[in-house]
Amino acid sequence: LERVASGSIALRSLVASGLAFRDSVLALYPLILERDDKVPGHVDLVLSPAMKTAVGGLATQHVNLQHYRRLVRLSRDGQTDIVMFDRQNAHRPHTRWTPCEHVEWLLFEVENDVTIWPKQVSVAEKMMCGNGSHHAVVQ
């Protein structure tokens, strides 16, 4: 840390803002998707099931933090976004689905700073449980 902080102004700014560490943590999240415990191009990087659980838990808390940051941001905007604040506040992350069952959804939330709402979960589940060879159309 001291070595990085004593470097260029850009690096010092990254460290001061917390982005240097944020990026390194975000780099861990895709590792929980690896089904065979191998990361392409990194033969020596292996996550045990316990580590995958820990990283998944960290990603879940990251989504919760993003949700609360959105609420704070919307509350600061005053009456302009009162409707959006109420909608965000009514929808807590992961109420209709389990992150360990849908890791891709969890990573989608983290990467896009969104919360998947219950209605979206219902639509996704209907589309995923299609009737064999028939296509599912959900409106």
C-alpha atoms as a PDB file:
ATOM      1  CA  LEU A   1       0.000   0.000   0.000  1.00  0.00           C
ATOM      2  CA  GLU A   2       2.758   2.453   0.875  1.00  0.00           C
ATOM      3  CA  ARG A   3       4.553   1.595  -2.340  1.00  0.00           C
ATOM      4  CA  VAL A   4       1.434   2.307  -4.406  1.00  0.00           C
ATOM      5  CA  ALA A   5       0.584   5.438  -2.422  1.00  0.00           C
ATOM      6  CA  SER A   6       4.038   6.871  -3.028  1.00  0.00           C
ATOM      7  CA  GLY A   7       3.627   6.384  -6.809  1.00  0.00           C
ATOM      8  CA  SER A   8       1.975   8.629  -9.351  1.00  0.00           C
ATOM      9  CA  ILE A   9      -0.804  11.090  -8.577  1.00  0.00           C
ATOM     10  CA  ALA A  10      -3.262   8.828 -10.418  1.00  0.00           C
ATOM     11  CA  LEU A  11      -2.359   5.839  -8.264  1.00  0.00           C
ATOM     12  CA  ARG A  12      -2.541   7.893  -5.082  1.00  0.00           C
ATOM     13  CA  SER A  13      -5.978   9.124  -6.147  1.00  0.00           C
ATOM     14  CA  LEU A  14      -7.145   5.562  -6.758  1.00  0.00           C
ATOM     15  CA  VAL A  15      -5.953   4.452  -3.349  1.00  0.00           C
ATOM     16  CA  ALA A  16      -7.460   7.503  -1.621  1.00  0.00           C
ATOM     17  CA  SER A  17     -10.830   6.937  -3.309  1.00  0.00           C
ATOM     18  CA  GLY A  18     -10.830   3.235  -2.494  1.00  0.00           C
ATOM     19  CA  LEU A  19     -11.116   2.287  -6.170  1.00  0.00           C
ATOM     20  CA  ALA A  20      -7.832   0.389  -6.212  1.00  0.00           C
ATOM     21  CA  PHE A  21      -9.195  -2.040  -3.643  1.00  0.00           C
ATOM     22  CA  ARG A  22     -12.702  -2.044  -5.104  1.00  0.00           C
ATOM     23  CA  ASP A  23     -11.387  -3.229  -8.445  1.00  0.00           C
ATOM     24  CA  SER A  24      -9.352  -5.995  -6.841  1.00  0.00           C
ATOM     25  CA  VAL A  25     -12.400  -7.245  -4.920  1.00  0.00           C
ATOM     26  CA  LEU A  26     -14.592  -7.112  -8.038  1.00  0.00           C
ATOM     27  CA  ALA A  27     -12.031  -9.259  -9.829  1.00  0.00           C
ATOM     28  CA  LEU A  28     -12.789 -12.093  -7.379  1.00  0.00           C
ATOM     29  CA  TYR A  29     -16.504 -12.293  -8.123  1.00  0.00           C
ATOM     30  CA  PRO A  30     -16.349 -14.090 -11.509  1.00  0.00           C
ATOM     31  CA  LEU A  31     -14.251 -16.809  -9.876  1.00  0.00           C
ATOM     32  CA  ILE A  32     -17.354 -18.164  -8.131  1.00  0.00           C
ATOM     33  CA  LEU A  33     -18.786 -19.058 -11.551  1.00  0.00           C
ATOM     34  CA  GLU A  34     -16.002 -21.494 -12.341  1.00  0.00           C
ATOM     35  CA  ARG A  35     -17.581 -24.928 -12.140  1.00  0.00           C
ATOM     36  CA  ASP A  36     -14.348 -26.903 -12.459  1.00  0.00           C
ATOM     37  CA  ASP A  37     -12.341 -24.734 -10.045  1.00  0.00           C
ATOM     38  CA  LYS A  38     -10.019 -23.566 -12.829  1.00  0.00           C
ATOM     39  CA  VAL A  39      -9.701 -20.081 -14.209  1.00  0.00           C
ATOM     40  CA  PRO A  40      -8.737 -19.867 -17.900  1.00  0.00           C
ATOM     41  CA  GLY A  41      -5.201 -18.556 -18.214  1.00  0.00           C
ATOM     42  CA  HIS A  42      -4.520 -18.957 -14.474  1.00  0.00           C
ATOM     43  CA  VAL A  43      -3.803 -22.633 -13.907  1.00  0.00           C
ATOM     44  CA  ASP A  44      -2.561 -22.030 -10.379  1.00  0.00           C
ATOM     45  CA  LEU A  45      -5.659 -20.103  -9.229  1.00  0.00           C
ATOM     46  CA  VAL A  46      -8.113 -22.464  -7.534  1.00  0.00           C
ATOM     47  CA  LEU A  47     -10.991 -21.584  -5.223  1.00  0.00           C
ATOM     48  CA  SER A  48     -12.205 -24.154  -2.763  1.00  0.00           C
ATOM     49  CA  PRO A  49     -15.965 -24.501  -2.246  1.00  0.00           C
ATOM     50  CA  ALA A  50     -15.584 -22.660   1.071  1.00  0.00           C
ATOM     51  CA  MET A  51     -13.793 -19.765  -0.669  1.00  0.00           C
ATOM     52  CA  LYS A  52     -16.498 -19.631  -3.338  1.00  0.00           C
ATOM     53  CA  THR A  53     -19.076 -19.371  -0.560  1.00  0.00           C
ATOM     54  CA  ALA A  54     -17.111 -16.580   1.116  1.00  0.00           C
ATOM     55  CA  VAL A  55     -16.695 -14.632  -2.137  1.00  0.00           C
ATOM     56  CA  GLY A  56     -20.393 -15.167  -2.911  1.00  0.00           C
ATOM     57  CA  GLY A  57     -21.269 -13.796   0.523  1.00  0.00           C
ATOM     58  CA  LEU A  58     -19.071 -10.778  -0.128  1.00  0.00           C
ATOM     59  CA  ALA A  59     -20.815 -10.197  -3.475  1.00  0.00           C
ATOM     60  CA  THR A  60     -24.213 -10.472  -1.762  1.00  0.00           C
ATOM     61  CA  GLN A  61     -23.211  -7.837   0.783  1.00  0.00           C
ATOM     62  CA  HIS A  62     -21.882  -5.700  -2.063  1.00  0.00           C
ATOM     63  CA  VAL A  63     -25.388  -5.751  -3.617  1.00  0.00           C
ATOM     64  CA  ASN A  64     -26.903  -4.755  -0.264  1.00  0.00           C
ATOM     65  CA  LEU A  65     -24.447  -1.867   0.031  1.00  0.00           C
ATOM     66  CA  GLN A  66     -25.286  -0.716  -3.505  1.00  0.00           C
ATOM     67  CA  HIS A  67     -28.992  -0.846  -2.633  1.00  0.00           C
ATOM     68  CA  TYR A  68     -28.509   1.338   0.445  1.00  0.00           C
ATOM     69  CA  ARG A  69     -26.313   3.752  -1.507  1.00  0.00           C
ATOM     70  CA  ARG A  70     -29.117   4.139  -4.061  1.00  0.00           C
ATOM     71  CA  LEU A  71     -31.555   4.871  -1.233  1.00  0.00           C
ATOM     72  CA  VAL A  72     -29.219   7.513   0.219  1.00  0.00           C
ATOM     73  CA  ARG A  73     -28.702   9.066  -3.223  1.00  0.00           C
ATOM     74  CA  LEU A  74     -32.455   9.158  -3.875  1.00  0.00           C
ATOM     75  CA  SER A  75     -33.200  10.610  -0.429  1.00  0.00           C
ATOM     76  CA  ARG A  76     -30.749  13.444  -1.052  1.00  0.00           C
ATOM     77  CA  ASP A  77     -32.497  14.334  -4.305  1.00  0.00           C
ATOM     78  CA  GLY A  78     -35.581  15.429  -2.354  1.00  0.00           C
ATOM     79  CA  GLN A  79     -39.068  15.437  -3.776  1.00  0.00           C
ATOM     80  CA  THR A  80     -37.905  14.905  -7.351  1.00  0.00           C
ATOM     81  CA  ASP A  81     -37.278  11.208  -6.783  1.00  0.00           C
ATOM     82  CA  ILE A  82     -39.708  10.437  -3.947  1.00  0.00           C
ATOM     83  CA  VAL A  83     -41.571   7.867  -6.076  1.00  0.00           C
ATOM     84  CA  MET A  84     -38.362   6.106  -7.070  1.00  0.00           C
ATOM     85  CA  PHE A  85     -37.175   6.193  -3.447  1.00  0.00           C
ATOM     86  CA  ASP A  86     -40.409   4.516  -2.319  1.00  0.00           C
ATOM     87  CA  ARG A  87     -40.106   1.870  -5.035  1.00  0.00           C
ATOM     88  CA  GLN A  88     -36.466   1.142  -4.182  1.00  0.00           C
ATOM     89  CA  ASN A  89     -37.211   1.040  -0.465  1.00  0.00           C
ATOM     90  CA  ALA A  90     -40.071  -1.433  -1.014  1.00  0.00           C
ATOM     91  CA  HIS A  91     -37.836  -3.931  -2.844  1.00  0.00           C
ATOM     92  CA  ARG A  92     -35.096  -5.546  -0.792  1.00  0.00           C
ATOM     93  CA  PRO A  93     -32.406  -7.533  -2.619  1.00  0.00           C
ATOM     94  CA  HIS A  94     -32.811 -11.305  -2.927  1.00  0.00           C
ATOM     95  CA  THR A  95     -36.300 -11.643  -1.473  1.00  0.00           C
ATOM     96  CA  ARG A  96     -37.601 -13.995  -4.192  1.00  0.00           C
ATOM     97  CA  TRP A  97     -34.409 -15.820  -5.174  1.00  0.00           C
ATOM     98  CA  THR A  98     -31.269 -17.263  -3.630  1.00  0.00           C
ATOM     99  CA  PRO A  99     -27.905 -15.906  -4.836  1.00  0.00           C
ATOM    100  CA  CYS A 100     -26.148 -19.272  -4.516  1.00  0.00           C
ATOM    101  CA  GLU A 101     -28.706 -20.788  -6.923  1.00  0.00           C
ATOM    102  CA  HIS A 102     -28.370 -17.966  -9.460  1.00  0.00           C
ATOM    103  CA  VAL A 103     -24.773 -16.763  -9.248  1.00  0.00           C
ATOM    104  CA  GLU A 104     -25.028 -15.158 -12.699  1.00  0.00           C
ATOM    105  CA  TRP A 105     -27.897 -12.974 -11.474  1.00  0.00           C
ATOM    106  CA  LEU A 106     -25.846 -11.934  -8.451  1.00  0.00           C
ATOM    107  CA  LEU A 107     -22.922 -10.885 -10.645  1.00  0.00           C
ATOM    108  CA  PHE A 108     -25.326  -9.046 -12.960  1.00  0.00           C
ATOM    109  CA  GLU A 109     -26.580  -7.044  -9.976  1.00  0.00           C
ATOM    110  CA  VAL A 110     -23.060  -6.169  -8.812  1.00  0.00           C
ATOM    111  CA  GLU A 111     -21.767  -5.209 -12.241  1.00  0.00           C
ATOM    112  CA  ASN A 112     -24.782  -3.078 -13.162  1.00  0.00           C
ATOM    113  CA  ASP A 113     -25.600  -1.615  -9.724  1.00  0.00           C
ATOM    114  CA  VAL A 114     -29.189  -2.852  -9.889  1.00  0.00           C
ATOM    115  CA  THR A 115     -31.505  -4.957  -7.769  1.00  0.00           C
ATOM    116  CA  ILE A 116     -33.508  -7.688  -9.466  1.00  0.00           C
ATOM    117  CA  TRP A 117     -37.086  -7.092  -8.376  1.00  0.00           C
ATOM    118  CA  PRO A 118     -39.627  -9.847  -7.561  1.00  0.00           C
ATOM    119  CA  LYS A 119     -41.618  -9.348 -10.783  1.00  0.00           C
ATOM    120  CA  GLN A 120     -38.408  -9.760 -12.810  1.00  0.00           C
ATOM    121  CA  VAL A 121     -37.662 -12.992 -10.944  1.00  0.00           C
ATOM    122  CA  SER A 122     -41.142 -14.319 -11.785  1.00  0.00           C
ATOM    123  CA  VAL A 123     -40.672 -13.547 -15.472  1.00  0.00           C
ATOM    124  CA  ALA A 124     -37.186 -15.105 -15.541  1.00  0.00           C
ATOM    125  CA  GLU A 125     -38.395 -18.266 -13.796  1.00  0.00           C
ATOM    126  CA  LYS A 126     -41.282 -18.666 -16.251  1.00  0.00           C
ATOM    127  CA  MET A 127     -38.913 -18.256 -19.178  1.00  0.00           C
ATOM    128  CA  MET A 128     -36.382 -20.726 -17.740  1.00  0.00           C
ATOM    129  CA  CYS A 129     -39.023 -23.388 -17.058  1.00  0.00           C
ATOM    130  CA  GLY A 130     -40.278 -23.519 -20.622  1.00  0.00           C
ATOM    131  CA  ASN A 131     -42.465 -26.372 -21.820  1.00  0.00           C
ATOM    132  CA  GLY A 132     -39.760 -28.503 -23.408  1.00  0.00           C
ATOM    133  CA  SER A 133     -39.599 -27.640 -27.086  1.00  0.00           C
ATOM    134  CA  HIS A 134     -42.120 -24.785 -26.875  1.00  0.00           C
ATOM    135  CA  HIS A 135     -40.966 -21.210 -26.613  1.00  0.00           C
ATOM    136  CA  ALA A 136     -42.086 -19.157 -23.638  1.00  0.00           C
ATOM    137  CA  VAL A 137     -43.598 -15.718 -24.139  1.00  0.00           C
ATOM    138  CA  VAL A 138     -44.200 -13.709 -20.985  1.00  0.00           C
ATOM    139  CA  GLN A 139     -45.754 -10.267 -20.891  1.00  0.00           C
END
